[in-house]
Amino acid sequence: MRKSSIKSPKEDISEEIVNWVVKGMQEKKAQEIMVLDLRGVQNAFTDFFVICSGTSDTQIDAIADSVDKEIWEAGKLHAHSIEGKANREWILMDYYDVIVHVFLKDKRSFFKLEELWGDAKFTVIPD
């Protein structure tokens, strides 16, 4: 059986959210932006991870705020949950089918999320 190349509306909105996330990250000069497409990964609980780094707790807080603002302005969507704003080392934003991770550089290299999801399709967004 051949897979259809027609996208469902859910796939379209997930990809659109990813674009909004990346734009919000770029607005605040996020570094090492990477999109992990998990749609082909067995037992994945979401469609996409979007990961980036910042150089200070102030910057990662600003990146998270920028992402949230961009998604609200573009799609009128609120995050299901946001965690880590108090510690400002790793901020996780859950938009159901798109999970956003904003890390301090050293925390990102410690947790190595990209290695945990090695079966995902990776897209590196140029700085």
C-alpha atoms as a PDB file:
ATOM      1  CA  MET A   1       0.000   0.000   0.000  1.00  0.00           C
ATOM      2  CA  ARG A   2       1.393   3.372  -1.010  1.00  0.00           C
ATOM      3  CA  LYS A   3       1.350   6.296   1.386  1.00  0.00           C
ATOM      4  CA  SER A   4      -0.600   9.296   0.171  1.00  0.00           C
ATOM      5  CA  SER A   5       1.319  12.510  -0.396  1.00  0.00           C
ATOM      6  CA  ILE A   6      -1.753  14.528   0.575  1.00  0.00           C
ATOM      7  CA  LYS A   7      -1.300  16.191   3.938  1.00  0.00           C
ATOM      8  CA  SER A   8      -3.981  16.218   6.562  1.00  0.00           C
ATOM      9  CA  PRO A   9      -5.056  19.555   8.076  1.00  0.00           C
ATOM     10  CA  LYS A  10      -3.357  18.442  11.326  1.00  0.00           C
ATOM     11  CA  GLU A  11      -0.025  18.044   9.517  1.00  0.00           C
ATOM     12  CA  ASP A  12      -0.432  21.440   7.883  1.00  0.00           C
ATOM     13  CA  ILE A  13      -1.056  23.212  11.198  1.00  0.00           C
ATOM     14  CA  SER A  14       1.842  21.375  12.892  1.00  0.00           C
ATOM     15  CA  GLU A  15       4.212  22.516  10.151  1.00  0.00           C
ATOM     16  CA  GLU A  16       2.826  26.052  10.355  1.00  0.00           C
ATOM     17  CA  ILE A  17       3.396  26.122  14.123  1.00  0.00           C
ATOM     18  CA  VAL A  18       7.001  25.005  13.529  1.00  0.00           C
ATOM     19  CA  ASN A  19       7.467  27.953  11.156  1.00  0.00           C
ATOM     20  CA  TRP A  20       6.053  30.355  13.747  1.00  0.00           C
ATOM     21  CA  VAL A  21       8.298  28.878  16.457  1.00  0.00           C
ATOM     22  CA  VAL A  22      11.408  29.282  14.307  1.00  0.00           C
ATOM     23  CA  LYS A  23      10.458  32.870  13.477  1.00  0.00           C
ATOM     24  CA  GLY A  24       9.976  33.678  17.180  1.00  0.00           C
ATOM     25  CA  MET A  25      13.353  32.129  17.983  1.00  0.00           C
ATOM     26  CA  GLN A  26      15.109  34.038  15.225  1.00  0.00           C
ATOM     27  CA  GLU A  27      13.587  37.319  16.441  1.00  0.00           C
ATOM     28  CA  LYS A  28      15.635  36.956  19.648  1.00  0.00           C
ATOM     29  CA  LYS A  29      18.814  35.622  17.993  1.00  0.00           C
ATOM     30  CA  ALA A  30      18.462  32.030  19.223  1.00  0.00           C
ATOM     31  CA  GLN A  31      21.408  29.819  18.327  1.00  0.00           C
ATOM     32  CA  GLU A  32      21.627  26.304  16.906  1.00  0.00           C
ATOM     33  CA  ILE A  33      17.946  26.063  15.974  1.00  0.00           C
ATOM     34  CA  MET A  34      17.041  22.504  15.062  1.00  0.00           C
ATOM     35  CA  VAL A  35      13.724  20.962  14.033  1.00  0.00           C
ATOM     36  CA  LEU A  36      13.199  17.269  14.733  1.00  0.00           C
ATOM     37  CA  ASP A  37      10.395  15.718  12.689  1.00  0.00           C
ATOM     38  CA  LEU A  38       9.121  12.843  14.812  1.00  0.00           C
ATOM     39  CA  ARG A  39       6.159  11.884  12.638  1.00  0.00           C
ATOM     40  CA  GLY A  40       7.982   8.806  11.334  1.00  0.00           C
ATOM     41  CA  VAL A  41       9.295   7.722  14.738  1.00  0.00           C
ATOM     42  CA  GLN A  42       7.456   4.855  16.364  1.00  0.00           C
ATOM     43  CA  ASN A  43       5.861   5.728  19.730  1.00  0.00           C
ATOM     44  CA  ALA A  44       6.610   9.452  19.407  1.00  0.00           C
ATOM     45  CA  PHE A  45       4.153  11.489  21.461  1.00  0.00           C
ATOM     46  CA  THR A  46       4.336  14.611  19.309  1.00  0.00           C
ATOM     47  CA  ASP A  47       4.971  15.550  15.676  1.00  0.00           C
ATOM     48  CA  PHE A  48       7.884  17.946  16.142  1.00  0.00           C
ATOM     49  CA  PHE A  49      10.511  19.116  18.588  1.00  0.00           C
ATOM     50  CA  VAL A  50      12.011  22.534  17.933  1.00  0.00           C
ATOM     51  CA  ILE A  51      15.203  23.067  19.920  1.00  0.00           C
ATOM     52  CA  CYS A  52      17.423  26.111  20.314  1.00  0.00           C
ATOM     53  CA  SER A  53      20.071  27.559  22.599  1.00  0.00           C
ATOM     54  CA  GLY A  54      20.606  30.891  24.247  1.00  0.00           C
ATOM     55  CA  THR A  55      23.617  32.370  25.942  1.00  0.00           C
ATOM     56  CA  SER A  56      21.963  33.655  29.131  1.00  0.00           C
ATOM     57  CA  ASP A  57      18.910  33.064  31.279  1.00  0.00           C
ATOM     58  CA  THR A  58      17.596  36.455  30.158  1.00  0.00           C
ATOM     59  CA  GLN A  59      17.937  35.501  26.505  1.00  0.00           C
ATOM     60  CA  ILE A  60      16.203  32.131  26.830  1.00  0.00           C
ATOM     61  CA  ASP A  61      13.347  33.815  28.678  1.00  0.00           C
ATOM     62  CA  ALA A  62      13.086  36.398  25.861  1.00  0.00           C
ATOM     63  CA  ILE A  63      13.177  33.617  23.230  1.00  0.00           C
ATOM     64  CA  ALA A  64      10.337  31.748  24.955  1.00  0.00           C
ATOM     65  CA  ASP A  65       8.280  34.946  25.205  1.00  0.00           C
ATOM     66  CA  SER A  66       8.929  35.704  21.530  1.00  0.00           C
ATOM     67  CA  VAL A  67       7.847  32.202  20.455  1.00  0.00           C
ATOM     68  CA  ASP A  68       4.664  32.418  22.525  1.00  0.00           C
ATOM     69  CA  LYS A  69       3.876  35.878  21.124  1.00  0.00           C
ATOM     70  CA  GLU A  70       4.512  34.782  17.529  1.00  0.00           C
ATOM     71  CA  ILE A  71       2.247  31.737  17.834  1.00  0.00           C
ATOM     72  CA  TRP A  72      -0.501  33.809  19.426  1.00  0.00           C
ATOM     73  CA  GLU A  73      -0.309  36.581  16.822  1.00  0.00           C
ATOM     74  CA  ALA A  74      -0.079  34.206  13.844  1.00  0.00           C
ATOM     75  CA  GLY A  75      -2.432  31.437  14.915  1.00  0.00           C
ATOM     76  CA  LYS A  76      -4.272  32.558  18.051  1.00  0.00           C
ATOM     77  CA  LEU A  77      -2.939  29.485  19.865  1.00  0.00           C
ATOM     78  CA  HIS A  78      -1.941  29.242  23.502  1.00  0.00           C
ATOM     79  CA  ALA A  79       0.577  26.750  24.847  1.00  0.00           C
ATOM     80  CA  HIS A  80      -0.942  23.777  26.630  1.00  0.00           C
ATOM     81  CA  SER A  81       1.781  24.253  29.221  1.00  0.00           C
ATOM     82  CA  ILE A  82       5.042  26.096  29.758  1.00  0.00           C
ATOM     83  CA  GLU A  83       7.626  24.786  32.209  1.00  0.00           C
ATOM     84  CA  GLY A  84      11.007  26.014  33.383  1.00  0.00           C
ATOM     85  CA  LYS A  85      10.341  29.773  33.281  1.00  0.00           C
ATOM     86  CA  ALA A  86      11.278  30.121  36.963  1.00  0.00           C
ATOM     87  CA  ASN A  87      14.688  28.411  36.619  1.00  0.00           C
ATOM     88  CA  ARG A  88      15.397  29.772  33.109  1.00  0.00           C
ATOM     89  CA  GLU A  89      17.836  26.989  32.194  1.00  0.00           C
ATOM     90  CA  TRP A  90      15.536  24.851  30.026  1.00  0.00           C
ATOM     91  CA  ILE A  91      12.134  26.199  29.054  1.00  0.00           C
ATOM     92  CA  LEU A  92       9.697  23.677  27.595  1.00  0.00           C
ATOM     93  CA  MET A  93       6.615  24.886  25.734  1.00  0.00           C
ATOM     94  CA  ASP A  94       3.927  22.348  24.794  1.00  0.00           C
ATOM     95  CA  TYR A  95       1.779  23.150  21.770  1.00  0.00           C
ATOM     96  CA  TYR A  96       0.487  19.527  21.626  1.00  0.00           C
ATOM     97  CA  ASP A  97       1.876  18.497  18.223  1.00  0.00           C
ATOM     98  CA  VAL A  98       4.918  20.776  18.551  1.00  0.00           C
ATOM     99  CA  ILE A  99       7.133  20.789  21.631  1.00  0.00           C
ATOM    100  CA  VAL A 100       9.569  23.693  21.991  1.00  0.00           C
ATOM    101  CA  HIS A 101      12.810  23.407  23.981  1.00  0.00           C
ATOM    102  CA  VAL A 102      14.786  26.565  24.758  1.00  0.00           C
ATOM    103  CA  PHE A 103      18.062  25.721  26.490  1.00  0.00           C
ATOM    104  CA  LEU A 104      21.021  27.444  28.007  1.00  0.00           C
ATOM    105  CA  LYS A 105      23.972  26.186  25.938  1.00  0.00           C
ATOM    106  CA  ASP A 106      25.511  24.050  28.702  1.00  0.00           C
ATOM    107  CA  LYS A 107      22.168  22.458  29.632  1.00  0.00           C
ATOM    108  CA  ARG A 108      21.509  21.533  26.006  1.00  0.00           C
ATOM    109  CA  SER A 109      24.866  19.807  25.666  1.00  0.00           C
ATOM    110  CA  PHE A 110      24.260  17.989  28.972  1.00  0.00           C
ATOM    111  CA  PHE A 111      20.797  16.622  28.096  1.00  0.00           C
ATOM    112  CA  LYS A 112      21.530  15.914  24.386  1.00  0.00           C
ATOM    113  CA  LEU A 113      17.891  15.587  23.304  1.00  0.00           C
ATOM    114  CA  GLU A 114      18.943  15.265  19.690  1.00  0.00           C
ATOM    115  CA  GLU A 115      20.739  12.014  20.513  1.00  0.00           C
ATOM    116  CA  LEU A 116      17.696  10.591  22.314  1.00  0.00           C
ATOM    117  CA  TRP A 117      15.600  11.030  19.176  1.00  0.00           C
ATOM    118  CA  GLY A 118      18.165   9.785  16.648  1.00  0.00           C
ATOM    119  CA  ASP A 119      15.447   8.269  14.405  1.00  0.00           C
ATOM    120  CA  ALA A 120      13.900  11.683  13.771  1.00  0.00           C
ATOM    121  CA  LYS A 121      14.422  13.673  10.614  1.00  0.00           C
ATOM    122  CA  PHE A 122      16.684  16.617  11.537  1.00  0.00           C
ATOM    123  CA  THR A 123      16.593  20.066   9.963  1.00  0.00           C
ATOM    124  CA  VAL A 124      19.202  22.606  11.047  1.00  0.00           C
ATOM    125  CA  ILE A 125      18.058  26.208  10.659  1.00  0.00           C
ATOM    126  CA  PRO A 126      20.971  28.440   9.591  1.00  0.00           C
ATOM    127  CA  ASP A 127      21.890  31.310  11.941  1.00  0.00           C
END
